[in-house]
Amino acid sequence: MLRFIYFLLLTSFVYANDTQGPSSTHSFAQFLSNIRSQATTLGVSQATLNGAFNDLMSNPKVLEYDRNQAEFTLNFWRYLNSRVSQNRIDKGMAKLQQHQQLLQENYKKYGVSSQTIVAFWGLETNYGKNVGKMNLIRSLATLSFDKRRREFFTHELLTLLTLIDEGKLPLNAQGSWAGAMGNMQFMPTNVAAYAVDANTDGKIDLWHTQADIFASAAHFLKKIGWHQGERWGREVGISKTFNYRLASLSTKKTVNEWQALGVRTTDNTNLPNSNMQASLILPMGYNGPAFLVYRNFHAILRWNRSILYALSVGHLSDRLIGASQLFAKSITEPSLSRNDIKQIQTALNQLGFDTGEPDGMSGPKTRHAARAYQTANSLPIDGYVGYQLLQQLQ
């Protein structure tokens, strides 16, 4: 644990002001030399570092994947329909039945429902089918050398090297292009902090041992804010006159307050009488579905910061225990490419609505700028960065 805390401080110091990227004068070999120095300071052996960095080259394919993540390029319906398919629901129900006893034991210890664990499993690797076959050291070294999220991935790389040196992971460990591993796609820091040897065999196996896989996921969720017995959220109905400005994760009101503002269940009945804090989100703008989300939704977001991912996990978990499909009807709308989003950001900047440096990724600053543009032009103020906004700006 002391080593873990120390390299947290070290990587924050070394890379806090470093903005060099792959196109800089610093070569990949020089970068690896820097990483070797840091890892040595953390106590990683030269034998491990020699094995890790011998003939290591960056992987351009990793950067291509990083720039084209589905969370950045798919709209809500395309994302949800591809991930919460009938096949995935059927397989998930079978997994719930198959591992019922183990999942129930897990629930008693950690307080995370069986359907939630299985939903994460389904979204992450399609129940263990797609755990990744890319060399983790090479992937993380490539992402660490890139400037987009250098501090984050350097931290992960140093953690991975430490875990390998301690014998907790093999030198040739494989996973996703982003450095995630096992059935639940844990990043190295999550392995170090939350992975559990649930069957007490002296090893943590996130690839083949179901007890370790489920317990590690539940332990992680509990530590990042999961509350036992509470739902993640629900689909709701809103009126045409609803104040769309209120649709934001940063706006929190009690369920009773949302009720007073006109939010109802999808069959137009009253919401439960509750003072639980909630936010209302419109993942596809005012023309799409509306969701009232609670604090367990924020826990899902701490696992993966994508709103589309979090909604998919929540909806899949509901479907696994018999809930019906969403009330809102799927609508066809072209997904935006990163170049499309860059066009939106550039146009908003030119009109005086600051999105920051155009990067093709719709984050909070871009959504805030979209709301400002919509306000100035008497449009529905939902902050949705989609095809309609692109057309309006064009």
Protein backbone atom coordinates (compact mmCIF):
# COMPACT_ATOMS: atom_id res chain seq x y z
CA MET A 1 0.00 0.00 0.00
CA LEU A 2 2.87 2.41 0.75
CA ARG A 3 4.32 1.72 -2.70
CA PHE A 4 0.88 2.31 -4.23
CA ILE A 5 0.47 5.68 -2.49
CA TYR A 6 4.01 6.73 -3.35
CA PHE A 7 3.70 6.22 -7.08
CA LEU A 8 0.37 8.10 -7.04
CA LEU A 9 2.26 11.12 -5.75
CA LEU A 10 5.20 10.52 -8.06
CA THR A 11 3.22 10.29 -11.28
CA SER A 12 1.13 13.33 -10.39
CA PHE A 13 4.32 15.35 -9.87
CA VAL A 14 6.18 14.19 -12.94
CA TYR A 15 3.35 14.57 -15.45
CA ALA A 16 1.18 17.34 -14.06
CA ASN A 17 2.64 19.91 -16.46
CA ASP A 18 3.93 17.62 -19.21
CA THR A 19 2.03 18.04 -22.45
CA GLN A 20 4.45 16.37 -24.84
CA GLY A 21 2.77 13.92 -27.20
CA PRO A 22 3.86 11.31 -29.74
CA SER A 23 4.69 14.06 -32.24
CA SER A 24 7.13 15.73 -29.86
CA THR A 25 10.92 15.55 -30.03
CA HIS A 26 10.90 13.04 -27.17
CA SER A 27 11.16 9.57 -28.66
CA PHE A 28 9.28 6.53 -27.42
CA ALA A 29 12.59 5.05 -26.25
CA GLN A 30 13.33 8.18 -24.20
CA PHE A 31 9.85 7.98 -22.74
CA LEU A 32 10.38 4.35 -21.71
CA SER A 33 13.66 5.35 -20.10
CA ASN A 34 11.73 7.88 -18.01
CA ILE A 35 9.18 5.22 -17.03
CA ARG A 36 11.97 2.81 -16.14
CA SER A 37 13.46 5.41 -13.83
CA GLN A 38 10.14 6.00 -12.08
CA ALA A 39 9.43 2.27 -11.76
CA THR A 40 12.88 1.66 -10.32
CA THR A 41 12.21 4.33 -7.69
CA LEU A 42 9.03 2.42 -6.79
CA GLY A 43 11.06 -0.73 -6.26
CA VAL A 44 10.27 -2.60 -9.48
CA SER A 45 13.15 -4.95 -10.27
CA GLN A 46 15.41 -4.58 -13.30
CA ALA A 47 14.53 -8.11 -14.33
CA THR A 48 10.85 -7.15 -14.62
CA LEU A 49 11.65 -3.92 -16.44
CA ASN A 50 14.01 -5.66 -18.87
CA GLY A 51 11.34 -8.21 -19.66
CA ALA A 52 8.66 -5.53 -20.01
CA PHE A 53 10.55 -3.10 -22.23
CA ASN A 54 12.71 -5.43 -24.32
CA ASP A 55 12.09 -4.44 -27.99
CA LEU A 56 8.85 -2.71 -26.95
CA MET A 57 7.27 -0.50 -29.60
CA SER A 58 4.20 1.73 -29.49
CA ASN A 59 1.00 0.44 -31.08
CA PRO A 60 -0.71 2.92 -33.47
CA LYS A 61 -3.85 0.76 -33.47
CA VAL A 62 -4.36 1.56 -29.79
CA LEU A 63 -4.52 5.28 -30.51
CA GLU A 64 -7.00 4.63 -33.32
CA TYR A 65 -9.25 2.74 -30.92
CA ASP A 66 -8.89 5.50 -28.33
CA ARG A 67 -10.07 8.15 -30.78
CA ASN A 68 -13.08 6.16 -31.97
CA GLN A 69 -14.72 4.84 -28.83
CA ALA A 70 -18.43 4.05 -29.22
CA GLU A 71 -19.23 6.35 -26.29
CA PHE A 72 -17.92 9.22 -28.41
CA THR A 73 -19.45 8.30 -31.75
CA LEU A 74 -22.79 6.49 -31.21
CA ASN A 75 -26.04 8.11 -30.18
CA PHE A 76 -28.18 6.72 -27.38
CA TRP A 77 -30.40 4.36 -29.36
CA ARG A 78 -27.60 2.91 -31.46
CA TYR A 79 -25.49 2.36 -28.35
CA LEU A 80 -28.28 0.85 -26.23
CA ASN A 81 -29.74 -1.39 -28.92
CA SER A 82 -26.34 -2.87 -29.72
CA ARG A 83 -25.56 -3.62 -26.07
CA VAL A 84 -28.90 -4.57 -24.55
CA SER A 85 -29.91 -7.03 -27.24
CA GLN A 86 -32.31 -9.92 -26.72
CA ASN A 87 -29.40 -12.32 -27.07
CA ARG A 88 -27.50 -10.58 -24.27
CA ILE A 89 -30.60 -10.55 -22.07
CA ASP A 90 -31.20 -14.28 -22.64
CA LYS A 91 -27.56 -15.14 -21.92
CA GLY A 92 -27.59 -12.96 -18.82
CA MET A 93 -30.69 -14.67 -17.45
CA ALA A 94 -29.00 -18.03 -17.97
CA LYS A 95 -25.87 -16.78 -16.15
CA LEU A 96 -28.02 -15.54 -13.26
CA GLN A 97 -29.52 -19.01 -12.91
CA GLN A 98 -26.21 -20.82 -13.38
CA HIS A 99 -24.38 -18.82 -10.69
CA GLN A 100 -27.35 -18.12 -8.41
CA GLN A 101 -25.82 -19.48 -5.20
CA LEU A 102 -22.45 -17.76 -5.67
CA LEU A 103 -24.10 -14.45 -6.60
CA GLN A 104 -26.38 -14.60 -3.56
CA GLU A 105 -23.41 -15.22 -1.25
CA ASN A 106 -21.73 -12.27 -2.91
CA TYR A 107 -24.82 -10.08 -2.32
CA LYS A 108 -24.90 -10.93 1.38
CA LYS A 109 -21.30 -9.81 1.77
CA TYR A 110 -21.21 -6.71 -0.43
CA GLY A 111 -24.83 -5.63 -0.91
CA VAL A 112 -24.69 -5.44 -4.71
CA SER A 113 -27.57 -7.24 -6.43
CA SER A 114 -26.95 -10.29 -8.59
CA GLN A 115 -28.50 -8.70 -11.68
CA THR A 116 -26.22 -5.66 -11.34
CA ILE A 117 -23.08 -7.81 -11.27
CA VAL A 118 -24.24 -9.84 -14.26
CA ALA A 119 -25.18 -6.67 -16.17
CA PHE A 120 -21.65 -5.30 -15.74
CA TRP A 121 -20.28 -8.66 -16.81
CA GLY A 122 -22.45 -8.60 -19.93
CA LEU A 123 -21.51 -5.04 -20.90
CA GLU A 124 -17.81 -5.43 -20.21
CA THR A 125 -16.98 -8.72 -21.94
CA ASN A 126 -20.24 -10.35 -23.07
CA TYR A 127 -20.00 -12.71 -20.09
CA GLY A 128 -16.31 -13.46 -20.53
CA LYS A 129 -16.34 -13.94 -24.30
CA ASN A 130 -14.32 -10.81 -25.12
CA VAL A 131 -11.65 -10.29 -22.47
CA GLY A 132 -9.09 -8.85 -24.89
CA LYS A 133 -5.95 -10.24 -26.53
CA MET A 134 -3.65 -7.21 -26.60
CA ASN A 135 -0.44 -7.02 -24.61
CA LEU A 136 -1.21 -4.80 -21.61
CA ILE A 137 2.28 -3.35 -21.23
CA ARG A 138 2.40 -2.28 -24.88
CA SER A 139 -1.10 -0.80 -24.81
CA LEU A 140 -0.54 1.21 -21.64
CA ALA A 141 2.91 2.37 -22.74
CA THR A 142 1.40 3.63 -26.00
CA LEU A 143 -1.38 5.50 -24.18
CA SER A 144 1.07 6.87 -21.62
CA PHE A 145 3.25 8.30 -24.39
CA ASP A 146 0.19 9.96 -25.97
CA LYS A 147 -0.70 13.34 -24.48
CA ARG A 148 -4.51 13.01 -24.30
CA ARG A 149 -4.64 11.24 -20.91
CA ARG A 150 -0.95 10.84 -20.15
CA GLU A 151 -1.09 11.19 -16.38
CA PHE A 152 -3.90 8.63 -16.06
CA PHE A 153 -2.27 5.98 -18.23
CA THR A 154 1.21 6.51 -16.77
CA HIS A 155 -0.31 5.80 -13.38
CA GLU A 156 -1.88 2.62 -14.77
CA LEU A 157 1.36 1.51 -16.44
CA LEU A 158 3.39 1.91 -13.27
CA THR A 159 0.75 0.00 -11.32
CA LEU A 160 0.83 -2.80 -13.87
CA LEU A 161 4.61 -3.06 -13.62
CA THR A 162 4.36 -3.20 -9.83
CA LEU A 163 1.71 -5.96 -9.95
CA ILE A 164 3.85 -7.97 -12.36
CA ASP A 165 6.93 -7.52 -10.18
CA GLU A 166 4.98 -8.73 -7.14
CA GLY A 167 3.92 -11.85 -9.02
CA LYS A 168 0.22 -10.92 -9.05
CA LEU A 169 0.02 -10.69 -12.83
CA PRO A 170 2.06 -12.41 -15.56
CA LEU A 171 4.56 -10.43 -17.64
CA ASN A 172 2.62 -11.23 -20.82
CA ALA A 173 -0.81 -10.35 -19.39
CA GLN A 174 -3.37 -9.56 -22.08
CA GLY A 175 -6.48 -7.41 -22.13
CA SER A 176 -8.17 -4.59 -23.97
CA TRP A 177 -6.53 -1.84 -26.01
CA ALA A 178 -7.09 0.51 -23.04
CA GLY A 179 -5.26 -1.71 -20.55
CA ALA A 180 -8.28 -3.34 -18.91
CA MET A 181 -8.20 -7.02 -18.06
CA GLY A 182 -10.28 -10.01 -17.09
CA ASN A 183 -14.02 -10.66 -17.16
CA MET A 184 -14.87 -7.30 -15.60
CA GLN A 185 -12.15 -5.37 -17.44
CA PHE A 186 -10.35 -4.00 -14.39
CA MET A 187 -7.63 -1.44 -14.93
CA PRO A 188 -4.38 -2.19 -13.05
CA THR A 189 -5.16 0.32 -10.29
CA ASN A 190 -8.52 -1.38 -9.74
CA VAL A 191 -6.79 -4.74 -9.49
CA ALA A 192 -4.40 -3.29 -6.90
CA ALA A 193 -7.12 -1.60 -4.85
CA TYR A 194 -10.26 -3.75 -5.20
CA ALA A 195 -9.55 -7.24 -6.57
CA VAL A 196 -10.51 -10.01 -4.13
CA ASP A 197 -9.24 -13.56 -3.62
CA ALA A 198 -12.75 -14.77 -2.80
CA ASN A 199 -12.00 -18.50 -2.90
CA THR A 200 -8.87 -17.99 -0.71
CA ASP A 201 -6.59 -20.02 -2.95
CA GLY A 202 -3.82 -17.44 -2.67
CA LYS A 203 -4.40 -16.00 -6.15
CA ILE A 204 -6.64 -13.37 -7.69
CA ASP A 205 -7.90 -14.75 -10.98
CA LEU A 206 -10.14 -12.33 -12.88
CA TRP A 207 -10.09 -14.50 -16.00
CA HIS A 208 -11.33 -17.91 -14.89
CA THR A 209 -12.44 -17.94 -11.22
CA GLN A 210 -16.06 -16.84 -10.89
CA ALA A 211 -15.85 -16.24 -7.14
CA ASP A 212 -12.94 -13.82 -7.61
CA ILE A 213 -14.62 -12.16 -10.60
CA PHE A 214 -17.95 -11.49 -8.86
CA ALA A 215 -16.46 -10.50 -5.50
CA SER A 216 -13.97 -8.10 -7.09
CA ALA A 217 -16.74 -6.36 -9.06
CA ALA A 218 -19.01 -6.11 -6.02
CA HIS A 219 -16.19 -4.89 -3.77
CA PHE A 220 -15.30 -2.22 -6.31
CA LEU A 221 -18.92 -1.03 -6.61
CA LYS A 222 -19.38 -0.92 -2.87
CA LYS A 223 -16.24 1.17 -2.42
CA ILE A 224 -17.23 3.66 -5.12
CA GLY A 225 -20.64 4.36 -3.67
CA TRP A 226 -23.15 1.57 -4.34
CA HIS A 227 -26.05 1.57 -1.86
CA GLN A 228 -27.71 -1.73 -1.07
CA GLY A 229 -31.39 -2.05 -1.88
CA GLU A 230 -31.61 1.10 -4.01
CA ARG A 231 -32.35 1.19 -7.71
CA TRP A 232 -30.14 2.99 -10.22
CA GLY A 233 -32.93 5.03 -11.75
CA ARG A 234 -36.06 4.78 -13.87
CA GLU A 235 -37.45 5.91 -17.19
CA VAL A 236 -39.98 8.72 -16.72
CA GLY A 237 -42.34 10.89 -18.70
CA ILE A 238 -42.15 14.66 -18.99
CA SER A 239 -44.52 17.17 -20.54
CA LYS A 240 -43.87 19.22 -23.66
CA THR A 241 -43.68 22.33 -21.46
CA PHE A 242 -41.03 20.87 -19.15
CA ASN A 243 -38.10 23.18 -18.43
CA TYR A 244 -35.31 21.31 -20.21
CA ARG A 245 -32.69 23.45 -18.46
CA LEU A 246 -33.24 21.21 -15.44
CA ALA A 247 -32.10 18.11 -17.33
CA SER A 248 -28.56 17.73 -16.03
CA LEU A 249 -26.61 15.47 -13.70
CA SER A 250 -25.54 18.58 -11.81
CA THR A 251 -29.17 19.44 -10.94
CA LYS A 252 -30.41 17.40 -8.00
CA LYS A 253 -33.88 17.46 -6.51
CA THR A 254 -35.93 15.05 -4.46
CA VAL A 255 -38.30 12.68 -6.22
CA ASN A 256 -41.18 14.64 -4.69
CA GLU A 257 -39.78 17.88 -6.12
CA TRP A 258 -39.53 16.33 -9.58
CA GLN A 259 -43.11 15.16 -9.19
CA ALA A 260 -44.17 18.76 -8.48
CA LEU A 261 -42.37 19.86 -11.67
CA GLY A 262 -44.46 17.51 -13.78
CA VAL A 263 -42.30 14.39 -13.95
CA ARG A 264 -44.37 11.19 -13.97
CA THR A 265 -43.92 7.48 -14.53
CA THR A 266 -44.05 6.33 -18.14
CA ASP A 267 -47.72 5.34 -17.71
CA ASN A 268 -48.48 8.87 -16.43
CA THR A 269 -49.00 7.93 -12.79
CA ASN A 270 -47.41 9.63 -9.81
CA LEU A 271 -43.84 8.86 -8.81
CA PRO A 272 -43.30 7.13 -5.45
CA ASN A 273 -43.45 9.46 -2.45
CA SER A 274 -39.74 9.87 -1.77
CA ASN A 275 -37.16 12.42 -0.65
CA MET A 276 -34.34 10.55 -2.40
CA GLN A 277 -32.12 12.88 -4.42
CA ALA A 278 -32.31 12.44 -8.17
CA SER A 279 -31.26 14.06 -11.44
CA LEU A 280 -33.13 14.06 -14.73
CA ILE A 281 -31.21 13.31 -17.92
CA LEU A 282 -32.14 13.36 -21.60
CA PRO A 283 -29.50 11.24 -23.36
CA MET A 284 -30.93 12.02 -26.81
CA GLY A 285 -32.35 15.47 -26.18
CA TYR A 286 -35.95 16.48 -25.74
CA ASN A 287 -37.07 14.11 -28.53
CA GLY A 288 -35.68 11.05 -26.75
CA PRO A 289 -36.36 9.19 -23.51
CA ALA A 290 -36.05 10.79 -20.08
CA PHE A 291 -34.52 9.14 -17.02
CA LEU A 292 -34.62 10.00 -13.34
CA VAL A 293 -31.33 8.70 -11.91
CA TYR A 294 -30.26 8.18 -8.31
CA ARG A 295 -27.00 7.83 -6.43
CA ASN A 296 -26.37 4.27 -7.63
CA PHE A 297 -26.29 5.68 -11.16
CA HIS A 298 -23.40 7.89 -10.06
CA ALA A 299 -21.65 4.77 -8.73
CA ILE A 300 -21.94 3.22 -12.21
CA LEU A 301 -20.45 6.41 -13.65
CA ARG A 302 -17.47 6.04 -11.33
CA TRP A 303 -16.86 2.65 -12.97
CA ASN A 304 -17.20 4.16 -16.47
CA ARG A 305 -17.76 7.89 -17.02
CA SER A 306 -20.02 7.36 -20.04
CA ILE A 307 -23.70 8.21 -19.49
CA LEU A 308 -24.61 5.83 -22.32
CA TYR A 309 -22.69 3.01 -20.64
CA ALA A 310 -24.31 3.69 -17.27
CA LEU A 311 -27.82 3.72 -18.75
CA SER A 312 -27.10 0.47 -20.58
CA VAL A 313 -25.89 -1.25 -17.40
CA GLY A 314 -28.95 -0.05 -15.52
CA HIS A 315 -31.41 -1.04 -18.23
CA LEU A 316 -29.79 -4.45 -18.76
CA SER A 317 -29.92 -5.16 -15.02
CA ASP A 318 -33.66 -4.39 -15.06
CA ARG A 319 -34.30 -6.58 -18.10
CA LEU A 320 -32.49 -9.50 -16.46
CA ILE A 321 -35.16 -9.63 -13.75
CA GLY A 322 -38.11 -9.30 -16.09
CA ALA A 323 -38.60 -5.58 -16.72
CA SER A 324 -40.00 -4.59 -20.09
CA GLN A 325 -38.18 -2.66 -22.78
CA LEU A 326 -38.14 1.12 -22.64
CA PHE A 327 -41.43 2.95 -23.10
CA ALA A 328 -39.90 5.53 -25.44
CA LYS A 329 -39.78 4.40 -29.04
CA SER A 330 -36.45 4.08 -30.76
CA ILE A 331 -35.88 6.80 -33.33
CA THR A 332 -33.47 6.75 -36.23
CA GLU A 333 -30.93 9.54 -36.20
CA PRO A 334 -27.49 9.53 -37.81
CA SER A 335 -24.64 9.16 -35.34
CA LEU A 336 -22.05 11.92 -35.36
CA SER A 337 -18.45 11.28 -36.27
CA ARG A 338 -15.68 12.98 -34.35
CA ASN A 339 -15.28 15.34 -37.29
CA ASP A 340 -18.97 16.23 -37.02
CA ILE A 341 -18.54 17.07 -33.35
CA LYS A 342 -15.44 19.10 -34.16
CA GLN A 343 -17.55 21.05 -36.66
CA ILE A 344 -20.12 21.72 -33.94
CA GLN A 345 -17.44 22.82 -31.48
CA THR A 346 -15.74 25.06 -34.05
CA ALA A 347 -19.03 26.67 -35.08
CA LEU A 348 -20.06 27.29 -31.47
CA ASN A 349 -16.66 28.83 -30.72
CA GLN A 350 -16.99 31.13 -33.74
CA LEU A 351 -20.41 32.24 -32.53
CA GLY A 352 -19.01 33.08 -29.10
CA PHE A 353 -20.11 29.93 -27.21
CA ASP A 354 -16.92 28.50 -25.74
CA THR A 355 -16.38 24.76 -26.14
CA GLY A 356 -12.64 24.89 -25.55
CA GLU A 357 -10.23 23.41 -28.08
CA PRO A 358 -12.28 21.33 -30.58
CA ASP A 359 -11.46 17.66 -29.96
CA GLY A 360 -14.43 15.80 -31.40
CA MET A 361 -15.66 14.63 -28.00
CA SER A 362 -18.83 16.02 -26.50
CA GLY A 363 -18.07 16.72 -22.85
CA PRO A 364 -19.66 19.00 -20.24
CA LYS A 365 -18.12 22.16 -21.73
CA THR A 366 -19.51 21.39 -25.19
CA ARG A 367 -22.95 20.64 -23.75
CA HIS A 368 -22.86 23.89 -21.75
CA ALA A 369 -22.00 25.82 -24.91
CA ALA A 370 -24.84 24.07 -26.75
CA ARG A 371 -27.28 25.16 -24.04
CA ALA A 372 -26.06 28.74 -24.34
CA TYR A 373 -26.54 28.63 -28.12
CA GLN A 374 -30.02 27.13 -27.73
CA THR A 375 -30.95 29.81 -25.21
CA ALA A 376 -29.80 32.60 -27.51
CA ASN A 377 -31.76 31.16 -30.43
CA SER A 378 -35.02 30.27 -28.61
CA LEU A 379 -34.51 26.53 -29.11
CA PRO A 380 -35.34 23.74 -26.64
CA ILE A 381 -32.54 24.04 -24.07
CA ASP A 382 -31.56 20.40 -23.62
CA GLY A 383 -27.81 20.68 -24.30
CA TYR A 384 -27.95 17.69 -26.63
CA VAL A 385 -25.03 17.55 -29.04
CA GLY A 386 -26.58 15.59 -31.87
CA TYR A 387 -27.52 15.58 -35.54
CA GLN A 388 -30.18 18.29 -35.17
CA LEU A 389 -27.69 20.70 -33.60
CA LEU A 390 -25.22 20.00 -36.42
CA GLN A 391 -27.88 20.85 -38.99
CA GLN A 392 -28.88 24.02 -37.15
CA LEU A 393 -25.29 25.25 -37.02
CA GLN A 394 -24.72 24.42 -40.67
